[in-house]
PDB file of N, CA and C in Angstrom:
ATOM      1  N   UNK A   1       1.479 -30.663 -10.573  1.00  0.00           N
ATOM      2  CA  UNK A   1       0.203 -29.957 -10.379  1.00  0.00           C
ATOM      3  C   UNK A   1       0.042 -29.542  -9.003  1.00  0.00           C
ATOM      4  N   UNK A   2      -0.266 -28.324  -8.594  1.00  0.00           N
ATOM      5  CA  UNK A   2      -0.521 -27.939  -7.255  1.00  0.00           C
ATOM      6  C   UNK A   2      -1.755 -28.437  -6.598  1.00  0.00           C
ATOM      7  N   UNK A   3      -1.667 -28.969  -5.364  1.00  0.00           N
ATOM      8  CA  UNK A   3      -2.823 -29.454  -4.697  1.00  0.00           C
ATOM      9  C   UNK A   3      -3.369 -28.363  -3.888  1.00  0.00           C
ATOM     10  N   UNK A   4      -4.600 -28.402  -3.563  1.00  0.00           N
ATOM     11  CA  UNK A   4      -5.303 -27.153  -2.969  1.00  0.00           C
ATOM     12  C   UNK A   4      -4.631 -26.916  -1.570  1.00  0.00           C
ATOM     13  N   UNK A   5      -4.270 -28.067  -0.947  1.00  0.00           N
ATOM     14  CA  UNK A   5      -3.813 -27.906   0.432  1.00  0.00           C
ATOM     15  C   UNK A   5      -2.301 -27.191   0.493  1.00  0.00           C
ATOM     16  N   UNK A   6      -1.692 -27.083  -0.639  1.00  0.00           N
ATOM     17  CA  UNK A   6      -0.450 -26.347  -0.787  1.00  0.00           C
ATOM     18  C   UNK A   6      -0.570 -24.954  -0.920  1.00  0.00           C
ATOM     19  N   UNK A   7      -1.863 -24.448  -1.328  1.00  0.00           N
ATOM     20  CA  UNK A   7      -2.061 -23.053  -1.644  1.00  0.00           C
ATOM     21  C   UNK A   7      -2.274 -22.177  -0.451  1.00  0.00           C
ATOM     22  N   UNK A   8      -1.506 -20.988  -0.528  1.00  0.00           N
ATOM     23  CA  UNK A   8      -1.829 -19.959   0.428  1.00  0.00           C
ATOM     24  C   UNK A   8      -2.776 -18.823  -0.160  1.00  0.00           C
ATOM     25  N   UNK A   9      -3.859 -18.782   0.577  1.00  0.00           N
ATOM     26  CA  UNK A   9      -4.796 -17.706   0.177  1.00  0.00           C
ATOM     27  C   UNK A   9      -4.938 -16.489   1.051  1.00  0.00           C
ATOM     28  N   UNK A  10      -5.314 -15.365   0.391  1.00  0.00           N
ATOM     29  CA  UNK A  10      -5.486 -14.165   1.145  1.00  0.00           C
ATOM     30  C   UNK A  10      -7.047 -13.698   0.930  1.00  0.00           C
ATOM     31  N   UNK A  11      -7.449 -12.921   1.772  1.00  0.00           N
ATOM     32  CA  UNK A  11      -8.850 -12.508   1.690  1.00  0.00           C
ATOM     33  C   UNK A  11      -8.927 -11.205   0.750  1.00  0.00           C
ATOM     34  N   UNK A  12      -9.817 -11.145  -0.024  1.00  0.00           N
ATOM     35  CA  UNK A  12     -10.023 -10.248  -1.074  1.00  0.00           C
ATOM     36  C   UNK A  12     -10.870  -9.051  -0.380  1.00  0.00           C
ATOM     37  N   UNK A  13     -10.962  -7.823  -1.055  1.00  0.00           N
ATOM     38  CA  UNK A  13     -11.827  -6.859  -0.559  1.00  0.00           C
ATOM     39  C   UNK A  13     -13.177  -7.313  -0.407  1.00  0.00           C
ATOM     40  N   UNK A  14     -13.673  -8.113  -1.310  1.00  0.00           N
ATOM     41  CA  UNK A  14     -14.965  -8.644  -1.241  1.00  0.00           C
ATOM     42  C   UNK A  14     -15.146  -9.455  -0.007  1.00  0.00           C
ATOM     43  N   UNK A  15     -14.117 -10.216   0.423  1.00  0.00           N
ATOM     44  CA  UNK A  15     -14.139 -11.173   1.545  1.00  0.00           C
ATOM     45  C   UNK A  15     -14.246 -10.332   2.839  1.00  0.00           C
ATOM     46  N   UNK A  16     -13.384  -9.239   2.893  1.00  0.00           N
ATOM     47  CA  UNK A  16     -13.377  -8.373   4.014  1.00  0.00           C
ATOM     48  C   UNK A  16     -14.887  -7.702   4.212  1.00  0.00           C
ATOM     49  N   UNK A  17     -15.419  -7.340   3.178  1.00  0.00           N
ATOM     50  CA  UNK A  17     -16.664  -6.677   3.215  1.00  0.00           C
ATOM     51  C   UNK A  17     -17.786  -7.597   3.626  1.00  0.00           C
ATOM     52  N   UNK A  18     -17.511  -9.007   3.226  1.00  0.00           N
ATOM     53  CA  UNK A  18     -18.476 -10.028   3.775  1.00  0.00           C
ATOM     54  C   UNK A  18     -18.284 -10.172   5.235  1.00  0.00           C
ATOM     55  N   UNK A  19     -17.159 -10.195   5.780  1.00  0.00           N
ATOM     56  CA  UNK A  19     -16.871 -10.399   7.110  1.00  0.00           C
ATOM     57  C   UNK A  19     -17.498  -9.250   7.962  1.00  0.00           C
ATOM     58  N   UNK A  20     -17.537  -8.038   7.593  1.00  0.00           N
ATOM     59  CA  UNK A  20     -18.048  -7.014   8.228  1.00  0.00           C
ATOM     60  C   UNK A  20     -19.473  -6.776   8.128  1.00  0.00           C
ATOM     61  N   UNK A  21     -20.052  -7.356   7.035  1.00  0.00           N
ATOM     62  CA  UNK A  21     -21.549  -7.056   6.881  1.00  0.00           C
ATOM     63  C   UNK A  21     -22.506  -8.280   7.299  1.00  0.00           C
ATOM     64  N   UNK A  22     -23.230  -7.994   8.456  1.00  0.00           N
ATOM     65  CA  UNK A  22     -23.896  -9.051   8.983  1.00  0.00           C
ATOM     66  C   UNK A  22     -25.107  -9.451   7.943  1.00  0.00           C
ATOM     67  N   UNK A  23     -25.461  -8.707   6.973  1.00  0.00           N
ATOM     68  CA  UNK A  23     -26.408  -9.068   6.122  1.00  0.00           C
ATOM     69  C   UNK A  23     -25.940  -9.944   5.060  1.00  0.00           C
ATOM     70  N   UNK A  24     -24.644 -10.209   4.829  1.00  0.00           N
ATOM     71  CA  UNK A  24     -24.159 -11.054   3.827  1.00  0.00           C
ATOM     72  C   UNK A  24     -24.711 -12.477   3.986  1.00  0.00           C
ATOM     73  N   UNK A  25     -25.285 -12.896   2.883  1.00  0.00           N
ATOM     74  CA  UNK A  25     -25.842 -14.363   2.972  1.00  0.00           C
ATOM     75  C   UNK A  25     -24.566 -15.385   2.792  1.00  0.00           C
ATOM     76  N   UNK A  26     -24.271 -15.809   3.837  1.00  0.00           N
ATOM     77  CA  UNK A  26     -22.962 -16.825   3.724  1.00  0.00           C
ATOM     78  C   UNK A  26     -23.157 -17.809   4.843  1.00  0.00           C
ATOM     79  N   UNK A  27     -23.131 -19.079   4.550  1.00  0.00           N
ATOM     80  CA  UNK A  27     -23.163 -20.005   5.813  1.00  0.00           C
ATOM     81  C   UNK A  27     -22.141 -19.802   6.686  1.00  0.00           C
ATOM     82  N   UNK A  28     -22.506 -20.068   8.145  1.00  0.00           N
ATOM     83  CA  UNK A  28     -21.639 -19.782   9.159  1.00  0.00           C
ATOM     84  C   UNK A  28     -20.337 -20.594   8.964  1.00  0.00           C
ATOM     85  N   UNK A  29     -20.274 -21.754   8.491  1.00  0.00           N
ATOM     86  CA  UNK A  29     -18.983 -22.489   8.359  1.00  0.00           C
ATOM     87  C   UNK A  29     -18.054 -21.749   7.486  1.00  0.00           C
ATOM     88  N   UNK A  30     -18.612 -21.289   6.234  1.00  0.00           N
ATOM     89  CA  UNK A  30     -17.770 -20.591   5.275  1.00  0.00           C
ATOM     90  C   UNK A  30     -17.386 -19.332   5.952  1.00  0.00           C
ATOM     91  N   UNK A  31     -18.190 -18.527   6.572  1.00  0.00           N
ATOM     92  CA  UNK A  31     -17.804 -17.326   7.234  1.00  0.00           C
ATOM     93  C   UNK A  31     -16.590 -17.517   8.161  1.00  0.00           C
ATOM     94  N   UNK A  32     -16.779 -18.582   8.915  1.00  0.00           N
ATOM     95  CA  UNK A  32     -15.665 -18.944  10.003  1.00  0.00           C
ATOM     96  C   UNK A  32     -14.529 -19.305   9.361  1.00  0.00           C
ATOM     97  N   UNK A  33     -14.406 -20.121   8.331  1.00  0.00           N
ATOM     98  CA  UNK A  33     -13.133 -20.253   7.573  1.00  0.00           C
ATOM     99  C   UNK A  33     -12.587 -19.084   7.045  1.00  0.00           C
ATOM    100  N   UNK A  34     -13.418 -18.286   6.327  1.00  0.00           N
ATOM    101  CA  UNK A  34     -12.881 -16.994   5.873  1.00  0.00           C
ATOM    102  C   UNK A  34     -12.264 -16.170   6.969  1.00  0.00           C
ATOM    103  N   UNK A  35     -12.657 -16.155   8.114  1.00  0.00           N
ATOM    104  CA  UNK A  35     -12.104 -15.363   9.142  1.00  0.00           C
ATOM    105  C   UNK A  35     -10.746 -15.878   9.566  1.00  0.00           C
ATOM    106  N   UNK A  36     -10.541 -17.063   9.243  1.00  0.00           N
ATOM    107  CA  UNK A  36      -9.203 -17.661   9.723  1.00  0.00           C
ATOM    108  C   UNK A  36      -8.141 -17.351   8.601  1.00  0.00           C
ATOM    109  N   UNK A  37      -8.433 -16.972   7.432  1.00  0.00           N
ATOM    110  CA  UNK A  37      -7.420 -16.852   6.246  1.00  0.00           C
ATOM    111  C   UNK A  37      -6.591 -15.657   6.547  1.00  0.00           C
ATOM    112  N   UNK A  38      -5.298 -15.949   6.637  1.00  0.00           N
ATOM    113  CA  UNK A  38      -4.310 -15.017   6.954  1.00  0.00           C
ATOM    114  C   UNK A  38      -3.316 -14.475   5.971  1.00  0.00           C
ATOM    115  N   UNK A  39      -3.311 -15.111   4.667  1.00  0.00           N
ATOM    116  CA  UNK A  39      -2.507 -14.770   3.688  1.00  0.00           C
ATOM    117  C   UNK A  39      -1.033 -15.378   3.852  1.00  0.00           C
ATOM    118  N   UNK A  40      -0.901 -16.143   4.949  1.00  0.00           N
ATOM    119  CA  UNK A  40       0.502 -16.657   5.269  1.00  0.00           C
ATOM    120  C   UNK A  40       0.472 -18.233   5.241  1.00  0.00           C
ATOM    121  N   UNK A  41      -0.553 -18.906   5.734  1.00  0.00           N
ATOM    122  CA  UNK A  41      -0.670 -20.302   5.902  1.00  0.00           C
ATOM    123  C   UNK A  41      -1.402 -20.973   4.696  1.00  0.00           C
ATOM    124  N   UNK A  42      -0.864 -22.144   4.272  1.00  0.00           N
ATOM    125  CA  UNK A  42      -1.579 -22.916   3.283  1.00  0.00           C
ATOM    126  C   UNK A  42      -2.728 -23.520   3.831  1.00  0.00           C
ATOM    127  N   UNK A  43      -3.608 -24.114   3.060  1.00  0.00           N
ATOM    128  CA  UNK A  43      -4.830 -24.873   3.468  1.00  0.00           C
ATOM    129  C   UNK A  43      -4.348 -25.962   4.428  1.00  0.00           C
ATOM    130  N   UNK A  44      -3.340 -26.697   4.245  1.00  0.00           N
ATOM    131  CA  UNK A  44      -2.927 -27.863   4.920  1.00  0.00           C
ATOM    132  C   UNK A  44      -2.597 -27.421   6.428  1.00  0.00           C
ATOM    133  N   UNK A  45      -2.227 -26.212   6.666  1.00  0.00           N
ATOM    134  CA  UNK A  45      -1.935 -25.837   8.047  1.00  0.00           C
ATOM    135  C   UNK A  45      -3.095 -25.526   8.789  1.00  0.00           C
ATOM    136  N   UNK A  46      -4.301 -25.325   8.199  1.00  0.00           N
ATOM    137  CA  UNK A  46      -5.435 -25.024   8.909  1.00  0.00           C
ATOM    138  C   UNK A  46      -6.211 -26.382   9.344  1.00  0.00           C
ATOM    139  N   UNK A  47      -5.884 -27.399   8.605  1.00  0.00           N
ATOM    140  CA  UNK A  47      -6.718 -28.551   8.808  1.00  0.00           C
ATOM    141  C   UNK A  47      -6.803 -29.275  10.217  1.00  0.00           C
ATOM    142  N   UNK A  48      -5.532 -29.328  10.856  1.00  0.00           N
ATOM    143  CA  UNK A  48      -5.451 -29.820  12.232  1.00  0.00           C
ATOM    144  C   UNK A  48      -6.324 -29.070  13.208  1.00  0.00           C
ATOM    145  N   UNK A  49      -6.510 -27.737  12.897  1.00  0.00           N
ATOM    146  CA  UNK A  49      -7.235 -26.781  13.909  1.00  0.00           C
ATOM    147  C   UNK A  49      -8.656 -26.642  13.584  1.00  0.00           C
ATOM    148  N   UNK A  50      -8.989 -27.109  12.345  1.00  0.00           N
ATOM    149  CA  UNK A  50     -10.343 -26.757  11.852  1.00  0.00           C
ATOM    150  C   UNK A  50     -11.046 -28.148  11.440  1.00  0.00           C
ATOM    151  N   UNK A  51     -10.757 -29.291  12.119  1.00  0.00           N
ATOM    152  CA  UNK A  51     -11.327 -30.435  11.679  1.00  0.00           C
ATOM    153  C   UNK A  51     -12.934 -30.437  11.591  1.00  0.00           C
ATOM    154  N   UNK A  52     -13.623 -29.641  12.361  1.00  0.00           N
ATOM    155  CA  UNK A  52     -15.080 -29.685  12.449  1.00  0.00           C
ATOM    156  C   UNK A  52     -15.488 -29.219  11.178  1.00  0.00           C
ATOM    157  N   UNK A  53     -14.692 -28.363  10.201  1.00  0.00           N
ATOM    158  CA  UNK A  53     -15.122 -27.832   9.023  1.00  0.00           C
ATOM    159  C   UNK A  53     -14.675 -28.789   7.852  1.00  0.00           C
ATOM    160  N   UNK A  54     -14.117 -29.905   8.075  1.00  0.00           N
ATOM    161  CA  UNK A  54     -13.704 -30.780   6.957  1.00  0.00           C
ATOM    162  C   UNK A  54     -14.870 -31.081   5.945  1.00  0.00           C
ATOM    163  N   UNK A  55     -14.460 -31.294   4.731  1.00  0.00           N
ATOM    164  CA  UNK A  55     -13.177 -31.009   4.156  1.00  0.00           C
ATOM    165  C   UNK A  55     -12.904 -29.647   3.770  1.00  0.00           C
ATOM    166  N   UNK A  56     -11.892 -29.148   4.342  1.00  0.00           N
ATOM    167  CA  UNK A  56     -11.602 -27.628   4.182  1.00  0.00           C
ATOM    168  C   UNK A  56     -11.255 -27.256   2.797  1.00  0.00           C
ATOM    169  N   UNK A  57     -10.611 -28.042   2.005  1.00  0.00           N
ATOM    170  CA  UNK A  57     -10.280 -27.731   0.604  1.00  0.00           C
ATOM    171  C   UNK A  57     -11.547 -27.479  -0.163  1.00  0.00           C
ATOM    172  N   UNK A  58     -12.747 -28.051   0.121  1.00  0.00           N
ATOM    173  CA  UNK A  58     -13.926 -27.691  -0.469  1.00  0.00           C
ATOM    174  C   UNK A  58     -14.346 -26.259  -0.086  1.00  0.00           C
ATOM    175  N   UNK A  59     -14.168 -26.029   1.164  1.00  0.00           N
ATOM    176  CA  UNK A  59     -14.621 -24.709   1.620  1.00  0.00           C
ATOM    177  C   UNK A  59     -13.819 -23.516   0.945  1.00  0.00           C
ATOM    178  N   UNK A  60     -12.517 -23.753   0.815  1.00  0.00           N
ATOM    179  CA  UNK A  60     -11.550 -22.808   0.134  1.00  0.00           C
ATOM    180  C   UNK A  60     -11.768 -22.686  -1.285  1.00  0.00           C
ATOM    181  N   UNK A  61     -12.177 -23.866  -1.902  1.00  0.00           N
ATOM    182  CA  UNK A  61     -12.417 -23.715  -3.262  1.00  0.00           C
ATOM    183  C   UNK A  61     -13.808 -22.921  -3.444  1.00  0.00           C
ATOM    184  N   UNK A  62     -14.771 -23.050  -2.735  1.00  0.00           N
ATOM    185  CA  UNK A  62     -15.925 -22.376  -2.702  1.00  0.00           C
ATOM    186  C   UNK A  62     -15.715 -20.913  -2.471  1.00  0.00           C
ATOM    187  N   UNK A  63     -14.970 -20.578  -1.475  1.00  0.00           N
ATOM    188  CA  UNK A  63     -14.548 -19.189  -1.128  1.00  0.00           C
ATOM    189  C   UNK A  63     -13.898 -18.440  -2.284  1.00  0.00           C
ATOM    190  N   UNK A  64     -12.985 -19.248  -2.950  1.00  0.00           N
ATOM    191  CA  UNK A  64     -12.312 -18.730  -4.005  1.00  0.00           C
ATOM    192  C   UNK A  64     -13.268 -18.596  -5.247  1.00  0.00           C
ATOM    193  N   UNK A  65     -14.054 -19.365  -5.589  1.00  0.00           N
ATOM    194  CA  UNK A  65     -14.935 -19.269  -6.649  1.00  0.00           C
ATOM    195  C   UNK A  65     -15.988 -18.213  -6.452  1.00  0.00           C
ATOM    196  N   UNK A  66     -16.297 -17.843  -5.206  1.00  0.00           N
ATOM    197  CA  UNK A  66     -17.167 -16.761  -4.915  1.00  0.00           C
ATOM    198  C   UNK A  66     -16.393 -15.374  -4.819  1.00  0.00           C
ATOM    199  N   UNK A  67     -15.071 -15.501  -4.964  1.00  0.00           N
ATOM    200  CA  UNK A  67     -14.395 -14.175  -4.945  1.00  0.00           C
ATOM    201  C   UNK A  67     -13.965 -13.566  -3.572  1.00  0.00           C
ATOM    202  N   UNK A  68     -14.248 -14.443  -2.504  1.00  0.00           N
ATOM    203  CA  UNK A  68     -13.891 -14.002  -1.226  1.00  0.00           C
ATOM    204  C   UNK A  68     -12.317 -14.011  -0.802  1.00  0.00           C
ATOM    205  N   UNK A  69     -11.660 -15.110  -1.477  1.00  0.00           N
ATOM    206  CA  UNK A  69     -10.196 -15.216  -1.281  1.00  0.00           C
ATOM    207  C   UNK A  69      -9.594 -15.417  -2.536  1.00  0.00           C
ATOM    208  N   UNK A  70      -8.341 -15.127  -2.648  1.00  0.00           N
ATOM    209  CA  UNK A  70      -7.483 -15.388  -3.834  1.00  0.00           C
ATOM    210  C   UNK A  70      -6.126 -16.042  -3.583  1.00  0.00           C
ATOM    211  N   UNK A  71      -5.651 -16.588  -4.439  1.00  0.00           N
ATOM    212  CA  UNK A  71      -4.341 -17.465  -4.251  1.00  0.00           C
ATOM    213  C   UNK A  71      -3.241 -16.360  -4.305  1.00  0.00           C
ATOM    214  N   UNK A  72      -2.363 -16.422  -3.347  1.00  0.00           N
ATOM    215  CA  UNK A  72      -1.215 -15.575  -3.307  1.00  0.00           C
ATOM    216  C   UNK A  72       0.186 -16.322  -3.448  1.00  0.00           C
ATOM    217  N   UNK A  73       0.060 -17.730  -3.362  1.00  0.00           N
ATOM    218  CA  UNK A  73       1.285 -18.626  -3.526  1.00  0.00           C
ATOM    219  C   UNK A  73       1.069 -19.894  -3.096  1.00  0.00           C
ATOM    220  N   UNK A  74       2.082 -20.647  -3.013  1.00  0.00           N
ATOM    221  CA  UNK A  74       2.117 -22.050  -2.618  1.00  0.00           C
ATOM    222  C   UNK A  74       3.274 -22.463  -1.759  1.00  0.00           C
ATOM    223  N   UNK A  75       3.151 -23.435  -0.909  1.00  0.00           N
ATOM    224  CA  UNK A  75       4.258 -24.083  -0.329  1.00  0.00           C
ATOM    225  C   UNK A  75       4.569 -25.346  -1.021  1.00  0.00           C
ATOM    226  N   UNK A  76       5.707 -25.855  -0.755  1.00  0.00           N
ATOM    227  CA  UNK A  76       6.184 -27.143  -1.438  1.00  0.00           C
ATOM    228  C   UNK A  76       5.244 -28.300  -1.057  1.00  0.00           C
ATOM    229  N   UNK A  77       4.992 -29.229  -1.887  1.00  0.00           N
ATOM    230  CA  UNK A  77       4.361 -30.357  -1.722  1.00  0.00           C
ATOM    231  C   UNK A  77       5.035 -31.186  -0.506  1.00  0.00           C
ATOM    232  N   UNK A  78       6.379 -31.148  -0.529  1.00  0.00           N
ATOM    233  CA  UNK A  78       7.309 -31.787   0.496  1.00  0.00           C
ATOM    234  C   UNK A  78       6.983 -31.398   1.917  1.00  0.00           C
ATOM    235  N   UNK A  79       6.887 -30.023   1.963  1.00  0.00           N
ATOM    236  CA  UNK A  79       6.539 -29.342   3.338  1.00  0.00           C
ATOM    237  C   UNK A  79       5.275 -29.927   3.890  1.00  0.00           C
ATOM    238  N   UNK A  80       4.321 -29.849   2.905  1.00  0.00           N
ATOM    239  CA  UNK A  80       2.877 -30.295   3.280  1.00  0.00           C
ATOM    240  C   UNK A  80       2.980 -31.788   3.742  1.00  0.00           C
ATOM    241  N   UNK A  81       3.633 -32.570   2.960  1.00  0.00           N
ATOM    242  CA  UNK A  81       3.869 -33.976   3.366  1.00  0.00           C
ATOM    243  C   UNK A  81       4.364 -34.145   4.685  1.00  0.00           C
ATOM    244  N   UNK A  82       5.311 -33.500   4.983  1.00  0.00           N
ATOM    245  CA  UNK A  82       6.042 -33.623   6.359  1.00  0.00           C
ATOM    246  C   UNK A  82       5.245 -32.998   7.498  1.00  0.00           C
ATOM    247  N   UNK A  83       4.509 -31.905   7.056  1.00  0.00           N
ATOM    248  CA  UNK A  83       3.478 -31.466   8.081  1.00  0.00           C
ATOM    249  C   UNK A  83       2.396 -32.452   8.401  1.00  0.00           C
ATOM    250  N   UNK A  84       1.700 -33.025   7.379  1.00  0.00           N
ATOM    251  CA  UNK A  84       0.665 -33.953   7.428  1.00  0.00           C
ATOM    252  C   UNK A  84       1.248 -35.123   8.296  1.00  0.00           C
ATOM    253  N   UNK A  85       2.409 -35.625   7.951  1.00  0.00           N
ATOM    254  CA  UNK A  85       3.022 -36.789   8.828  1.00  0.00           C
ATOM    255  C   UNK A  85       3.117 -36.482  10.280  1.00  0.00           C
ATOM    256  N   UNK A  86       3.539 -35.367  10.507  1.00  0.00           N
ATOM    257  CA  UNK A  86       3.608 -34.814  11.906  1.00  0.00           C
ATOM    258  C   UNK A  86       2.334 -34.792  12.592  1.00  0.00           C
ATOM    259  N   UNK A  87       1.370 -34.223  11.895  1.00  0.00           N
ATOM    260  CA  UNK A  87       0.047 -34.148  12.489  1.00  0.00           C
ATOM    261  C   UNK A  87      -0.591 -35.452  12.794  1.00  0.00           C
ATOM    262  N   UNK A  88      -0.353 -36.367  11.784  1.00  0.00           N
ATOM    263  CA  UNK A  88      -1.022 -37.796  11.978  1.00  0.00           C
ATOM    264  C   UNK A  88      -0.197 -38.572  12.932  1.00  0.00           C
ATOM    265  N   UNK A  89       1.080 -38.157  13.404  1.00  0.00           N
ATOM    266  CA  UNK A  89       1.713 -38.889  14.287  1.00  0.00           C
ATOM    267  C   UNK A  89       1.281 -38.751  15.738  1.00  0.00           C
ATOM    268  N   UNK A  90       0.317 -37.897  15.963  1.00  0.00           N
ATOM    269  CA  UNK A  90      -0.084 -37.611  17.382  1.00  0.00           C
ATOM    270  C   UNK A  90       0.592 -36.604  18.048  1.00  0.00           C
ATOM    271  N   UNK A  91       1.433 -35.839  17.356  1.00  0.00           N
ATOM    272  CA  UNK A  91       2.196 -34.798  18.080  1.00  0.00           C
ATOM    273  C   UNK A  91       1.291 -33.742  18.436  1.00  0.00           C
ATOM    274  N   UNK A  92       1.458 -32.917  19.535  1.00  0.00           N
ATOM    275  CA  UNK A  92       0.699 -31.906  20.052  1.00  0.00           C
ATOM    276  C   UNK A  92       0.538 -30.762  18.947  1.00  0.00           C
ATOM    277  N   UNK A  93      -0.533 -30.316  18.802  1.00  0.00           N
ATOM    278  CA  UNK A  93      -0.755 -29.225  17.802  1.00  0.00           C
ATOM    279  C   UNK A  93       0.156 -28.101  18.044  1.00  0.00           C
ATOM    280  N   UNK A  94       0.486 -27.854  19.073  1.00  0.00           N
ATOM    281  CA  UNK A  94       1.458 -26.729  19.227  1.00  0.00           C
ATOM    282  C   UNK A  94       3.012 -27.121  18.897  1.00  0.00           C
ATOM    283  N   UNK A  95       3.128 -28.296  18.618  1.00  0.00           N
ATOM    284  CA  UNK A  95       4.477 -28.694  18.298  1.00  0.00           C
ATOM    285  C   UNK A  95       4.656 -29.045  16.823  1.00  0.00           C
ATOM    286  N   UNK A  96       3.628 -28.772  16.101  1.00  0.00           N
ATOM    287  CA  UNK A  96       3.611 -29.094  14.513  1.00  0.00           C
ATOM    288  C   UNK A  96       4.582 -27.994  13.884  1.00  0.00           C
ATOM    289  N   UNK A  97       5.208 -28.434  12.788  1.00  0.00           N
ATOM    290  CA  UNK A  97       6.113 -27.545  12.132  1.00  0.00           C
ATOM    291  C   UNK A  97       5.330 -26.340  11.342  1.00  0.00           C
ATOM    292  N   UNK A  98       5.934 -25.206  11.248  1.00  0.00           N
ATOM    293  CA  UNK A  98       5.459 -24.146  10.441  1.00  0.00           C
ATOM    294  C   UNK A  98       5.624 -24.402   8.963  1.00  0.00           C
ATOM    295  N   UNK A  99       4.581 -24.404   8.202  1.00  0.00           N
ATOM    296  CA  UNK A  99       4.826 -24.608   6.706  1.00  0.00           C
ATOM    297  C   UNK A  99       4.120 -23.224   6.102  1.00  0.00           C
ATOM    298  N   UNK A 100       4.429 -22.156   6.585  1.00  0.00           N
ATOM    299  CA  UNK A 100       3.849 -20.973   5.998  1.00  0.00           C
ATOM    300  C   UNK A 100       4.725 -20.174   5.143  1.00  0.00           C
ATOM    301  N   UNK A 101       4.292 -19.010   4.541  1.00  0.00           N
ATOM    302  CA  UNK A 101       5.015 -18.116   3.806  1.00  0.00           C
ATOM    303  C   UNK A 101       6.144 -17.393   4.430  1.00  0.00           C
ATOM    304  N   UNK A 102       6.251 -17.440   5.748  1.00  0.00           N
ATOM    305  CA  UNK A 102       7.093 -16.752   6.583  1.00  0.00           C
ATOM    306  C   UNK A 102       8.299 -17.686   6.911  1.00  0.00           C
ATOM    307  N   UNK A 103       8.399 -19.025   6.581  1.00  0.00           N
ATOM    308  CA  UNK A 103       9.353 -19.888   6.918  1.00  0.00           C
ATOM    309  C   UNK A 103      10.032 -20.620   5.748  1.00  0.00           C
ATOM    310  N   UNK A 104      11.320 -20.345   5.547  1.00  0.00           N
ATOM    311  CA  UNK A 104      12.039 -20.698   4.451  1.00  0.00           C
ATOM    312  C   UNK A 104      11.983 -22.158   4.152  1.00  0.00           C
ATOM    313  N   UNK A 105      11.776 -22.998   5.140  1.00  0.00           N
ATOM    314  CA  UNK A 105      11.665 -24.431   4.937  1.00  0.00           C
ATOM    315  C   UNK A 105      10.162 -24.756   4.344  1.00  0.00           C
ATOM    316  N   UNK A 106       9.347 -23.926   4.249  1.00  0.00           N
ATOM    317  CA  UNK A 106       8.092 -24.330   3.585  1.00  0.00           C
ATOM    318  C   UNK A 106       8.215 -24.414   1.986  1.00  0.00           C
ATOM    319  N   UNK A 107       9.290 -23.778   1.469  1.00  0.00           N
ATOM    320  CA  UNK A 107       9.445 -23.747   0.069  1.00  0.00           C
ATOM    321  C   UNK A 107       8.318 -22.740  -0.527  1.00  0.00           C
ATOM    322  N   UNK A 108       7.967 -21.799   0.082  1.00  0.00           N
ATOM    323  CA  UNK A 108       6.801 -20.804  -0.383  1.00  0.00           C
ATOM    324  C   UNK A 108       7.425 -20.172  -1.562  1.00  0.00           C
ATOM    325  N   UNK A 109       6.402 -20.158  -2.511  1.00  0.00           N
ATOM    326  CA  UNK A 109       6.570 -19.426  -3.876  1.00  0.00           C
ATOM    327  C   UNK A 109       5.322 -18.561  -4.157  1.00  0.00           C
ATOM    328  N   UNK A 110       5.635 -17.221  -4.270  1.00  0.00           N
ATOM    329  CA  UNK A 110       4.372 -16.372  -4.444  1.00  0.00           C
ATOM    330  C   UNK A 110       4.099 -16.535  -5.859  1.00  0.00           C
ATOM    331  N   UNK A 111       2.874 -16.248  -6.104  1.00  0.00           N
ATOM    332  CA  UNK A 111       2.431 -16.172  -7.625  1.00  0.00           C
ATOM    333  C   UNK A 111       2.883 -14.924  -8.152  1.00  0.00           C
ATOM    334  N   UNK A 112       3.297 -14.811  -9.481  1.00  0.00           N
ATOM    335  CA  UNK A 112       3.651 -13.599 -10.100  1.00  0.00           C
ATOM    336  C   UNK A 112       2.477 -12.711 -10.246  1.00  0.00           C
ATOM    337  N   UNK A 113       2.623 -11.295 -10.216  1.00  0.00           N
ATOM    338  CA  UNK A 113       1.537 -10.522 -10.341  1.00  0.00           C
ATOM    339  C   UNK A 113       0.716 -10.188  -9.132  1.00  0.00           C
ATOM    340  N   UNK A 114       0.945 -10.711  -8.040  1.00  0.00           N
ATOM    341  CA  UNK A 114       0.240 -10.396  -6.793  1.00  0.00           C
ATOM    342  C   UNK A 114       1.012  -9.318  -6.036  1.00  0.00           C
TER     343      UNK A 114
END
């Protein structure tokens, strides 16, 4: 079963509209997380950079539920595990491995129909 931290999300048309419309009623923490979504990185890769918004998985789940983001694929659980171990080891954030859709070592698998 896929863990949410393995999921790669992309912003939907509704999400882009919400980012451009100042009158959209969305808490600032959700809007900030939404602006970071790039359609390449899984949730796990955002976590070291956005600790102030923890737990991020909850924010992504809410954004998905409200139609602002959609799942485009997943990275392997092994890649996420190795990334998390690197992040917890005290390595500089700039030296963390890439586990995104553009790196073969991430085991990225797109969802069919996207």
